[in-house]
């Protein structure tokens, strides 16, 4: 599962607060999901 996030998912920038928020949300979600799939290493 490949998700195109953004460097805006690891930092903040003016004029893109909503976009940054959505990319931060994706980063948090998929980093958490990865920890839920330890029984599926492939």
ModelCIF file with pLDDT and N, C-alpha, C, O atoms, coordinates in Angstrom:
data_MODEL
#
_entry.id   MODEL 
#
_entity.id                         1 
_entity.type                       polymer 
_entity.pdbx_number_of_molecules   1 
#
_entity_poly.entity_id                      1 
_entity_poly.type                           'polypeptide(L)' 
_entity_poly.nstd_linkage                   no 
_entity_poly.nstd_monomer                   no 
_entity_poly.pdbx_seq_one_letter_code       
;(UNK)(UNK)(UNK)(UNK)(UNK)(UNK)(UNK)(UNK)(UNK)(UNK)(UNK)(UNK)(UNK)(UNK)(UNK)(UNK)
(UNK)(UNK)(UNK)(UNK)(UNK)(UNK)(UNK)(UNK)(UNK)(UNK)(UNK)(UNK)(UNK)(UNK)(UNK)(UNK)
(UNK)(UNK)(UNK)(UNK)(UNK)(UNK)(UNK)(UNK)(UNK)(UNK)
;
_entity_poly.pdbx_seq_one_letter_code_can   XXXXXXXXXXXXXXXXXXXXXXXXXXXXXXXXXXXXXXXXXX 
_entity_poly.pdbx_strand_id                 A 
#
loop_
_entity_poly_seq.entity_id 
_entity_poly_seq.num 
_entity_poly_seq.mon_id 
_entity_poly_seq.hetero 
1 1  UNK n 
1 2  UNK n 
1 3  UNK n 
1 4  UNK n 
1 5  UNK n 
1 6  UNK n 
1 7  UNK n 
1 8  UNK n 
1 9  UNK n 
1 10 UNK n 
1 11 UNK n 
1 12 UNK n 
1 13 UNK n 
1 14 UNK n 
1 15 UNK n 
1 16 UNK n 
1 17 UNK n 
1 18 UNK n 
1 19 UNK n 
1 20 UNK n 
1 21 UNK n 
1 22 UNK n 
1 23 UNK n 
1 24 UNK n 
1 25 UNK n 
1 26 UNK n 
1 27 UNK n 
1 28 UNK n 
1 29 UNK n 
1 30 UNK n 
1 31 UNK n 
1 32 UNK n 
1 33 UNK n 
1 34 UNK n 
1 35 UNK n 
1 36 UNK n 
1 37 UNK n 
1 38 UNK n 
1 39 UNK n 
1 40 UNK n 
1 41 UNK n 
1 42 UNK n 
#
_struct_asym.id          A 
_struct_asym.entity_id   1 
#
loop_
_ma_qa_metric.id 
_ma_qa_metric.mode 
_ma_qa_metric.name 
_ma_qa_metric.software_group_id 
_ma_qa_metric.type 
1 global pLDDT . pLDDT 
2 local  pLDDT . pLDDT 
#
_ma_qa_metric_global.metric_id      1 
_ma_qa_metric_global.metric_value   96.86 
_ma_qa_metric_global.model_id       1 
_ma_qa_metric_global.ordinal_id     1 
#
loop_
_ma_qa_metric_local.label_asym_id 
_ma_qa_metric_local.label_comp_id 
_ma_qa_metric_local.label_seq_id 
_ma_qa_metric_local.metric_id 
_ma_qa_metric_local.metric_value 
_ma_qa_metric_local.model_id 
_ma_qa_metric_local.ordinal_id 
A UNK 1  2 98.00 1 1  
A UNK 2  2 98.00 1 2  
A UNK 3  2 98.00 1 3  
A UNK 4  2 98.00 1 4  
A UNK 5  2 97.00 1 5  
A UNK 6  2 97.00 1 6  
A UNK 7  2 96.00 1 7  
A UNK 8  2 95.00 1 8  
A UNK 9  2 96.00 1 9  
A UNK 10 2 93.00 1 10 
A UNK 11 2 93.00 1 11 
A UNK 12 2 92.00 1 12 
A UNK 13 2 92.00 1 13 
A UNK 14 2 94.00 1 14 
A UNK 15 2 95.00 1 15 
A UNK 16 2 96.00 1 16 
A UNK 17 2 97.00 1 17 
A UNK 18 2 97.00 1 18 
A UNK 19 2 97.00 1 19 
A UNK 20 2 97.00 1 20 
A UNK 21 2 98.00 1 21 
A UNK 22 2 98.00 1 22 
A UNK 23 2 98.00 1 23 
A UNK 24 2 98.00 1 24 
A UNK 25 2 98.00 1 25 
A UNK 26 2 98.00 1 26 
A UNK 27 2 98.00 1 27 
A UNK 28 2 98.00 1 28 
A UNK 29 2 98.00 1 29 
A UNK 30 2 98.00 1 30 
A UNK 31 2 98.00 1 31 
A UNK 32 2 98.00 1 32 
A UNK 33 2 98.00 1 33 
A UNK 34 2 98.00 1 34 
A UNK 35 2 98.00 1 35 
A UNK 36 2 98.00 1 36 
A UNK 37 2 98.00 1 37 
A UNK 38 2 96.00 1 38 
A UNK 39 2 97.00 1 39 
A UNK 40 2 98.00 1 40 
A UNK 41 2 97.00 1 41 
A UNK 42 2 98.00 1 42 
#
loop_
_atom_site.group_PDB 
_atom_site.id 
_atom_site.type_symbol 
_atom_site.label_atom_id 
_atom_site.label_alt_id 
_atom_site.label_comp_id 
_atom_site.label_asym_id 
_atom_site.label_entity_id 
_atom_site.label_seq_id 
_atom_site.pdbx_PDB_ins_code 
_atom_site.Cartn_x 
_atom_site.Cartn_y 
_atom_site.Cartn_z 
_atom_site.occupancy 
_atom_site.B_iso_or_equiv 
_atom_site.pdbx_formal_charge 
_atom_site.auth_seq_id 
_atom_site.auth_comp_id 
_atom_site.auth_asym_id 
_atom_site.auth_atom_id 
_atom_site.pdbx_PDB_model_num 
ATOM 1   N N  . UNK A 1 1  ? 0.867  -1.177  0.000  1.00 98.00 ? 1  UNK A N  1 
ATOM 2   C CA . UNK A 1 1  ? 0.000  0.000   0.000  1.00 98.00 ? 1  UNK A CA 1 
ATOM 3   C C  . UNK A 1 1  ? 0.906  1.230   0.000  1.00 98.00 ? 1  UNK A C  1 
ATOM 4   O O  . UNK A 1 1  ? 1.582  1.523   0.987  1.00 98.00 ? 1  UNK A O  1 
ATOM 5   N N  . UNK A 1 2  ? 0.906  1.934   -1.113 1.00 98.00 ? 2  UNK A N  1 
ATOM 6   C CA . UNK A 1 2  ? 1.770  3.094   -1.314 1.00 98.00 ? 2  UNK A CA 1 
ATOM 7   C C  . UNK A 1 2  ? 0.894  4.345   -1.260 1.00 98.00 ? 2  UNK A C  1 
ATOM 8   O O  . UNK A 1 2  ? -0.066 4.465   -2.021 1.00 98.00 ? 2  UNK A O  1 
ATOM 9   N N  . UNK A 1 3  ? 1.216  5.256   -0.381 1.00 98.00 ? 3  UNK A N  1 
ATOM 10  C CA . UNK A 1 3  ? 0.424  6.473   -0.244 1.00 98.00 ? 3  UNK A CA 1 
ATOM 11  C C  . UNK A 1 3  ? 1.282  7.687   -0.542 1.00 98.00 ? 3  UNK A C  1 
ATOM 12  O O  . UNK A 1 3  ? 2.325  7.893   0.080  1.00 98.00 ? 3  UNK A O  1 
ATOM 13  N N  . UNK A 1 4  ? 0.839  8.484   -1.491 1.00 98.00 ? 4  UNK A N  1 
ATOM 14  C CA . UNK A 1 4  ? 1.546  9.718   -1.816 1.00 98.00 ? 4  UNK A CA 1 
ATOM 15  C C  . UNK A 1 4  ? 1.120  10.778  -0.817 1.00 98.00 ? 4  UNK A C  1 
ATOM 16  O O  . UNK A 1 4  ? 0.055  11.381  -0.947 1.00 98.00 ? 4  UNK A O  1 
ATOM 17  N N  . UNK A 1 5  ? 1.959  10.996  0.173  1.00 97.00 ? 5  UNK A N  1 
ATOM 18  C CA . UNK A 1 5  ? 1.742  12.037  1.167  1.00 97.00 ? 5  UNK A CA 1 
ATOM 19  C C  . UNK A 1 5  ? 2.396  13.314  0.636  1.00 97.00 ? 5  UNK A C  1 
ATOM 20  O O  . UNK A 1 5  ? 2.085  13.749  -0.473 1.00 97.00 ? 5  UNK A O  1 
ATOM 21  N N  . UNK A 1 6  ? 3.276  13.905  1.395  1.00 97.00 ? 6  UNK A N  1 
ATOM 22  C CA . UNK A 1 6  ? 3.940  15.137  0.972  1.00 97.00 ? 6  UNK A CA 1 
ATOM 23  C C  . UNK A 1 6  ? 4.974  15.499  2.027  1.00 97.00 ? 6  UNK A C  1 
ATOM 24  O O  . UNK A 1 6  ? 4.885  15.048  3.169  1.00 97.00 ? 6  UNK A O  1 
ATOM 25  N N  . UNK A 1 7  ? 5.963  16.319  1.646  1.00 96.00 ? 7  UNK A N  1 
ATOM 26  C CA . UNK A 1 7  ? 6.833  16.869  2.687  1.00 96.00 ? 7  UNK A CA 1 
ATOM 27  C C  . UNK A 1 7  ? 6.011  17.734  3.639  1.00 96.00 ? 7  UNK A C  1 
ATOM 28  O O  . UNK A 1 7  ? 6.430  17.986  4.769  1.00 96.00 ? 7  UNK A O  1 
ATOM 29  N N  . UNK A 1 8  ? 4.837  18.190  3.183  1.00 95.00 ? 8  UNK A N  1 
ATOM 30  C CA . UNK A 1 8  ? 3.938  18.937  4.053  1.00 95.00 ? 8  UNK A CA 1 
ATOM 31  C C  . UNK A 1 8  ? 3.308  18.047  5.109  1.00 95.00 ? 8  UNK A C  1 
ATOM 32  O O  . UNK A 1 8  ? 2.639  18.538  6.018  1.00 95.00 ? 8  UNK A O  1 
ATOM 33  N N  . UNK A 1 9  ? 3.516  16.734  4.994  1.00 96.00 ? 9  UNK A N  1 
ATOM 34  C CA . UNK A 1 9  ? 3.066  15.828  6.034  1.00 96.00 ? 9  UNK A CA 1 
ATOM 35  C C  . UNK A 1 9  ? 4.046  15.700  7.180  1.00 96.00 ? 9  UNK A C  1 
ATOM 36  O O  . UNK A 1 9  ? 3.738  15.079  8.197  1.00 96.00 ? 9  UNK A O  1 
ATOM 37  N N  . UNK A 1 10 ? 5.237  16.288  7.024  1.00 93.00 ? 10 UNK A N  1 
ATOM 38  C CA . UNK A 1 10 ? 6.244  16.232  8.088  1.00 93.00 ? 10 UNK A CA 1 
ATOM 39  C C  . UNK A 1 10 ? 6.670  17.624  8.539  1.00 93.00 ? 10 UNK A C  1 
ATOM 40  O O  . UNK A 1 10 ? 7.531  17.750  9.409  1.00 93.00 ? 10 UNK A O  1 
ATOM 41  N N  . UNK A 1 11 ? 6.084  18.666  7.965  1.00 93.00 ? 11 UNK A N  1 
ATOM 42  C CA . UNK A 1 11 ? 6.365  20.040  8.382  1.00 93.00 ? 11 UNK A CA 1 
ATOM 43  C C  . UNK A 1 11 ? 5.110  20.876  8.181  1.00 93.00 ? 11 UNK A C  1 
ATOM 44  O O  . UNK A 1 11 ? 4.087  20.365  7.725  1.00 93.00 ? 11 UNK A O  1 
ATOM 45  N N  . UNK A 1 12 ? 5.184  22.137  8.514  1.00 92.00 ? 12 UNK A N  1 
ATOM 46  C CA . UNK A 1 12 ? 4.079  23.051  8.283  1.00 92.00 ? 12 UNK A CA 1 
ATOM 47  C C  . UNK A 1 12 ? 4.490  24.144  7.317  1.00 92.00 ? 12 UNK A C  1 
ATOM 48  O O  . UNK A 1 12 ? 5.678  24.431  7.163  1.00 92.00 ? 12 UNK A O  1 
ATOM 49  N N  . UNK A 1 13 ? 3.508  24.757  6.665  1.00 92.00 ? 13 UNK A N  1 
ATOM 50  C CA . UNK A 1 13 ? 3.802  25.835  5.716  1.00 92.00 ? 13 UNK A CA 1 
ATOM 51  C C  . UNK A 1 13 ? 2.604  26.763  5.621  1.00 92.00 ? 13 UNK A C  1 
ATOM 52  O O  . UNK A 1 13 ? 1.464  26.311  5.720  1.00 92.00 ? 13 UNK A O  1 
ATOM 53  N N  . UNK A 1 14 ? 2.845  28.059  5.430  1.00 94.00 ? 14 UNK A N  1 
ATOM 54  C CA . UNK A 1 14 ? 1.739  29.004  5.302  1.00 94.00 ? 14 UNK A CA 1 
ATOM 55  C C  . UNK A 1 14 ? 0.965  28.786  4.017  1.00 94.00 ? 14 UNK A C  1 
ATOM 56  O O  . UNK A 1 14 ? 1.499  28.273  3.033  1.00 94.00 ? 14 UNK A O  1 
ATOM 57  N N  . UNK A 1 15 ? -0.295 29.179  4.037  1.00 95.00 ? 15 UNK A N  1 
ATOM 58  C CA . UNK A 1 15 ? -1.212 29.105  2.895  1.00 95.00 ? 15 UNK A CA 1 
ATOM 59  C C  . UNK A 1 15 ? -1.669 27.680  2.582  1.00 95.00 ? 15 UNK A C  1 
ATOM 60  O O  . UNK A 1 15 ? -2.373 27.457  1.597  1.00 95.00 ? 15 UNK A O  1 
ATOM 61  N N  . UNK A 1 16 ? -1.275 26.721  3.411  1.00 96.00 ? 16 UNK A N  1 
ATOM 62  C CA . UNK A 1 16 ? -1.638 25.324  3.141  1.00 96.00 ? 16 UNK A CA 1 
ATOM 63  C C  . UNK A 1 16 ? -1.989 24.588  4.425  1.00 96.00 ? 16 UNK A C  1 
ATOM 64  O O  . UNK A 1 16 ? -1.696 23.399  4.553  1.00 96.00 ? 16 UNK A O  1 
ATOM 65  N N  . UNK A 1 17 ? -2.605 25.268  5.369  1.00 97.00 ? 17 UNK A N  1 
ATOM 66  C CA . UNK A 1 17 ? -2.868 24.658  6.673  1.00 97.00 ? 17 UNK A CA 1 
ATOM 67  C C  . UNK A 1 17 ? -3.777 23.441  6.567  1.00 97.00 ? 17 UNK A C  1 
ATOM 68  O O  . UNK A 1 17 ? -3.555 22.441  7.250  1.00 97.00 ? 17 UNK A O  1 
ATOM 69  N N  . UNK A 1 18 ? -4.799 23.515  5.715  1.00 97.00 ? 18 UNK A N  1 
ATOM 70  C CA . UNK A 1 18 ? -5.690 22.371  5.544  1.00 97.00 ? 18 UNK A CA 1 
ATOM 71  C C  . UNK A 1 18 ? -5.025 21.211  4.828  1.00 97.00 ? 18 UNK A C  1 
ATOM 72  O O  . UNK A 1 18 ? -5.220 20.051  5.190  1.00 97.00 ? 18 UNK A O  1 
ATOM 73  N N  . UNK A 1 19 ? -4.241 21.530  3.815  1.00 97.00 ? 19 UNK A N  1 
ATOM 74  C CA . UNK A 1 19 ? -3.502 20.501  3.079  1.00 97.00 ? 19 UNK A CA 1 
ATOM 75  C C  . UNK A 1 19 ? -2.491 19.817  3.998  1.00 97.00 ? 19 UNK A C  1 
ATOM 76  O O  . UNK A 1 19 ? -2.390 18.590  4.021  1.00 97.00 ? 19 UNK A O  1 
ATOM 77  N N  . UNK A 1 20 ? -1.739 20.632  4.760  1.00 97.00 ? 20 UNK A N  1 
ATOM 78  C CA . UNK A 1 20 ? -0.777 20.064  5.707  1.00 97.00 ? 20 UNK A CA 1 
ATOM 79  C C  . UNK A 1 20 ? -1.480 19.166  6.712  1.00 97.00 ? 20 UNK A C  1 
ATOM 80  O O  . UNK A 1 20 ? -0.985 18.087  7.038  1.00 97.00 ? 20 UNK A O  1 
ATOM 81  N N  . UNK A 1 21 ? -2.627 19.605  7.202  1.00 98.00 ? 21 UNK A N  1 
ATOM 82  C CA . UNK A 1 21 ? -3.370 18.813  8.180  1.00 98.00 ? 21 UNK A CA 1 
ATOM 83  C C  . UNK A 1 21 ? -3.766 17.467  7.599  1.00 98.00 ? 21 UNK A C  1 
ATOM 84  O O  . UNK A 1 21 ? -3.663 16.445  8.277  1.00 98.00 ? 21 UNK A O  1 
ATOM 85  N N  . UNK A 1 22 ? -4.220 17.454  6.349  1.00 98.00 ? 22 UNK A N  1 
ATOM 86  C CA . UNK A 1 22 ? -4.641 16.192  5.728  1.00 98.00 ? 22 UNK A CA 1 
ATOM 87  C C  . UNK A 1 22 ? -3.463 15.254  5.521  1.00 98.00 ? 22 UNK A C  1 
ATOM 88  O O  . UNK A 1 22 ? -3.605 14.041  5.671  1.00 98.00 ? 22 UNK A O  1 
ATOM 89  N N  . UNK A 1 23 ? -2.301 15.801  5.177  1.00 98.00 ? 23 UNK A N  1 
ATOM 90  C CA . UNK A 1 23 ? -1.115 14.964  4.974  1.00 98.00 ? 23 UNK A CA 1 
ATOM 91  C C  . UNK A 1 23 ? -0.540 14.484  6.304  1.00 98.00 ? 23 UNK A C  1 
ATOM 92  O O  . UNK A 1 23 ? -0.045 13.361  6.389  1.00 98.00 ? 23 UNK A O  1 
ATOM 93  N N  . UNK A 1 24 ? -0.596 15.318  7.343  1.00 98.00 ? 24 UNK A N  1 
ATOM 94  C CA . UNK A 1 24 ? -0.207 14.859  8.672  1.00 98.00 ? 24 UNK A CA 1 
ATOM 95  C C  . UNK A 1 24 ? -1.121 13.719  9.116  1.00 98.00 ? 24 UNK A C  1 
ATOM 96  O O  . UNK A 1 24 ? -0.670 12.753  9.732  1.00 98.00 ? 24 UNK A O  1 
ATOM 97  N N  . UNK A 1 25 ? -2.412 13.842  8.796  1.00 98.00 ? 25 UNK A N  1 
ATOM 98  C CA . UNK A 1 25 ? -3.364 12.784  9.158  1.00 98.00 ? 25 UNK A CA 1 
ATOM 99  C C  . UNK A 1 25 ? -3.016 11.475  8.455  1.00 98.00 ? 25 UNK A C  1 
ATOM 100 O O  . UNK A 1 25 ? -3.073 10.409  9.068  1.00 98.00 ? 25 UNK A O  1 
ATOM 101 N N  . UNK A 1 26 ? -2.655 11.550  7.170  1.00 98.00 ? 26 UNK A N  1 
ATOM 102 C CA . UNK A 1 26 ? -2.267 10.341  6.445  1.00 98.00 ? 26 UNK A CA 1 
ATOM 103 C C  . UNK A 1 26 ? -1.008 9.723   7.039  1.00 98.00 ? 26 UNK A C  1 
ATOM 104 O O  . UNK A 1 26 ? -0.922 8.504   7.193  1.00 98.00 ? 26 UNK A O  1 
ATOM 105 N N  . UNK A 1 27 ? -0.033 10.562  7.370  1.00 98.00 ? 27 UNK A N  1 
ATOM 106 C CA . UNK A 1 27 ? 1.191  10.046  7.963  1.00 98.00 ? 27 UNK A CA 1 
ATOM 107 C C  . UNK A 1 27 ? 0.893  9.306   9.271  1.00 98.00 ? 27 UNK A C  1 
ATOM 108 O O  . UNK A 1 27 ? 1.379  8.198   9.497  1.00 98.00 ? 27 UNK A O  1 
ATOM 109 N N  . UNK A 1 28 ? 0.088  9.937   10.123 1.00 98.00 ? 28 UNK A N  1 
ATOM 110 C CA . UNK A 1 28 ? -0.248 9.315   11.398 1.00 98.00 ? 28 UNK A CA 1 
ATOM 111 C C  . UNK A 1 28 ? -1.028 8.036   11.223 1.00 98.00 ? 28 UNK A C  1 
ATOM 112 O O  . UNK A 1 28 ? -0.786 7.051   11.920 1.00 98.00 ? 28 UNK A O  1 
ATOM 113 N N  . UNK A 1 29 ? -1.970 8.047   10.286 1.00 98.00 ? 29 UNK A N  1 
ATOM 114 C CA . UNK A 1 29 ? -2.797 6.858   10.059 1.00 98.00 ? 29 UNK A CA 1 
ATOM 115 C C  . UNK A 1 29 ? -1.965 5.680   9.572  1.00 98.00 ? 29 UNK A C  1 
ATOM 116 O O  . UNK A 1 29 ? -2.029 4.591   10.142 1.00 98.00 ? 29 UNK A O  1 
ATOM 117 N N  . UNK A 1 30 ? -1.184 5.897   8.515  1.00 98.00 ? 30 UNK A N  1 
ATOM 118 C CA . UNK A 1 30 ? -0.462 4.769   7.920  1.00 98.00 ? 30 UNK A CA 1 
ATOM 119 C C  . UNK A 1 30 ? 0.701  4.307   8.793  1.00 98.00 ? 30 UNK A C  1 
ATOM 120 O O  . UNK A 1 30 ? 1.041  3.124   8.779  1.00 98.00 ? 30 UNK A O  1 
ATOM 121 N N  . UNK A 1 31 ? 1.316  5.210   9.552  1.00 98.00 ? 31 UNK A N  1 
ATOM 122 C CA . UNK A 1 31 ? 2.343  4.778   10.495 1.00 98.00 ? 31 UNK A CA 1 
ATOM 123 C C  . UNK A 1 31 ? 1.732  3.923   11.595 1.00 98.00 ? 31 UNK A C  1 
ATOM 124 O O  . UNK A 1 31 ? 2.360  2.977   12.071 1.00 98.00 ? 31 UNK A O  1 
ATOM 125 N N  . UNK A 1 32 ? 0.502  4.252   12.005 1.00 98.00 ? 32 UNK A N  1 
ATOM 126 C CA . UNK A 1 32 ? -0.196 3.447   12.998 1.00 98.00 ? 32 UNK A CA 1 
ATOM 127 C C  . UNK A 1 32 ? -0.658 2.119   12.402 1.00 98.00 ? 32 UNK A C  1 
ATOM 128 O O  . UNK A 1 32 ? -0.552 1.073   13.042 1.00 98.00 ? 32 UNK A O  1 
ATOM 129 N N  . UNK A 1 33 ? -1.171 2.168   11.171 1.00 98.00 ? 33 UNK A N  1 
ATOM 130 C CA . UNK A 1 33 ? -1.630 0.940   10.517 1.00 98.00 ? 33 UNK A CA 1 
ATOM 131 C C  . UNK A 1 33 ? -0.491 -0.058  10.372 1.00 98.00 ? 33 UNK A C  1 
ATOM 132 O O  . UNK A 1 33 ? -0.690 -1.261  10.541 1.00 98.00 ? 33 UNK A O  1 
ATOM 133 N N  . UNK A 1 34 ? 0.701  0.437   10.060 1.00 98.00 ? 34 UNK A N  1 
ATOM 134 C CA . UNK A 1 34 ? 1.856  -0.451  9.908  1.00 98.00 ? 34 UNK A CA 1 
ATOM 135 C C  . UNK A 1 34 ? 2.094  -1.263  11.177 1.00 98.00 ? 34 UNK A C  1 
ATOM 136 O O  . UNK A 1 34 ? 2.461  -2.437  11.110 1.00 98.00 ? 34 UNK A O  1 
ATOM 137 N N  . UNK A 1 35 ? 1.885  -0.636  12.328 1.00 98.00 ? 35 UNK A N  1 
ATOM 138 C CA . UNK A 1 35 ? 2.101  -1.345  13.592 1.00 98.00 ? 35 UNK A CA 1 
ATOM 139 C C  . UNK A 1 35 ? 1.014  -2.377  13.866 1.00 98.00 ? 35 UNK A C  1 
ATOM 140 O O  . UNK A 1 35 ? 1.206  -3.280  14.680 1.00 98.00 ? 35 UNK A O  1 
ATOM 141 N N  . UNK A 1 36 ? -0.124 -2.248  13.194 1.00 98.00 ? 36 UNK A N  1 
ATOM 142 C CA . UNK A 1 36 ? -1.207 -3.216  13.360 1.00 98.00 ? 36 UNK A CA 1 
ATOM 143 C C  . UNK A 1 36 ? -1.045 -4.426  12.445 1.00 98.00 ? 36 UNK A C  1 
ATOM 144 O O  . UNK A 1 36 ? -1.789 -5.399  12.564 1.00 98.00 ? 36 UNK A O  1 
ATOM 145 N N  . UNK A 1 37 ? -0.079 -4.370  11.538 1.00 98.00 ? 37 UNK A N  1 
ATOM 146 C CA . UNK A 1 37 ? 0.077  -5.436  10.545 1.00 98.00 ? 37 UNK A CA 1 
ATOM 147 C C  . UNK A 1 37 ? 1.350  -6.244  10.765 1.00 98.00 ? 37 UNK A C  1 
ATOM 148 O O  . UNK A 1 37 ? 1.889  -6.827  9.825  1.00 98.00 ? 37 UNK A O  1 
ATOM 149 N N  . UNK A 1 38 ? 1.827  -6.277  12.000 1.00 96.00 ? 38 UNK A N  1 
ATOM 150 C CA . UNK A 1 38 ? 3.069  -7.010  12.269 1.00 96.00 ? 38 UNK A CA 1 
ATOM 151 C C  . UNK A 1 38 ? 2.917  -8.512  12.024 1.00 96.00 ? 38 UNK A C  1 
ATOM 152 O O  . UNK A 1 38 ? 3.911  -9.203  11.798 1.00 96.00 ? 38 UNK A O  1 
ATOM 153 N N  . UNK A 1 39 ? 1.687  -9.021  12.067 1.00 97.00 ? 39 UNK A N  1 
ATOM 154 C CA . UNK A 1 39 ? 1.462  -10.444 11.768 1.00 97.00 ? 39 UNK A CA 1 
ATOM 155 C C  . UNK A 1 39 ? 1.467  -10.727 10.273 1.00 97.00 ? 39 UNK A C  1 
ATOM 156 O O  . UNK A 1 39 ? 1.357  -11.878 9.850  1.00 97.00 ? 39 UNK A O  1 
ATOM 157 N N  . UNK A 1 40 ? 1.595  -9.666  9.475  1.00 98.00 ? 40 UNK A N  1 
ATOM 158 C CA . UNK A 1 40 ? 1.594  -9.814  8.003  1.00 98.00 ? 40 UNK A CA 1 
ATOM 159 C C  . UNK A 1 40 ? 2.848  -9.136  7.449  1.00 98.00 ? 40 UNK A C  1 
ATOM 160 O O  . UNK A 1 40 ? 2.749  -8.059  6.862  1.00 98.00 ? 40 UNK A O  1 
ATOM 161 N N  . UNK A 1 41 ? 3.999  -9.732  7.619  1.00 97.00 ? 41 UNK A N  1 
ATOM 162 C CA . UNK A 1 41 ? 5.267  -9.095  7.224  1.00 97.00 ? 41 UNK A CA 1 
ATOM 163 C C  . UNK A 1 41 ? 5.389  -8.838  5.728  1.00 97.00 ? 41 UNK A C  1 
ATOM 164 O O  . UNK A 1 41 ? 6.220  -8.031  5.312  1.00 97.00 ? 41 UNK A O  1 
ATOM 165 N N  . UNK A 1 42 ? 4.585  -9.503  4.916  1.00 98.00 ? 42 UNK A N  1 
ATOM 166 C CA . UNK A 1 42 ? 4.667  -9.293  3.471  1.00 98.00 ? 42 UNK A CA 1 
ATOM 167 C C  . UNK A 1 42 ? 3.670  -8.251  2.973  1.00 98.00 ? 42 UNK A C  1 
ATOM 168 O O  . UNK A 1 42 ? 3.620  -7.965  1.777  1.00 98.00 ? 42 UNK A O  1 
#
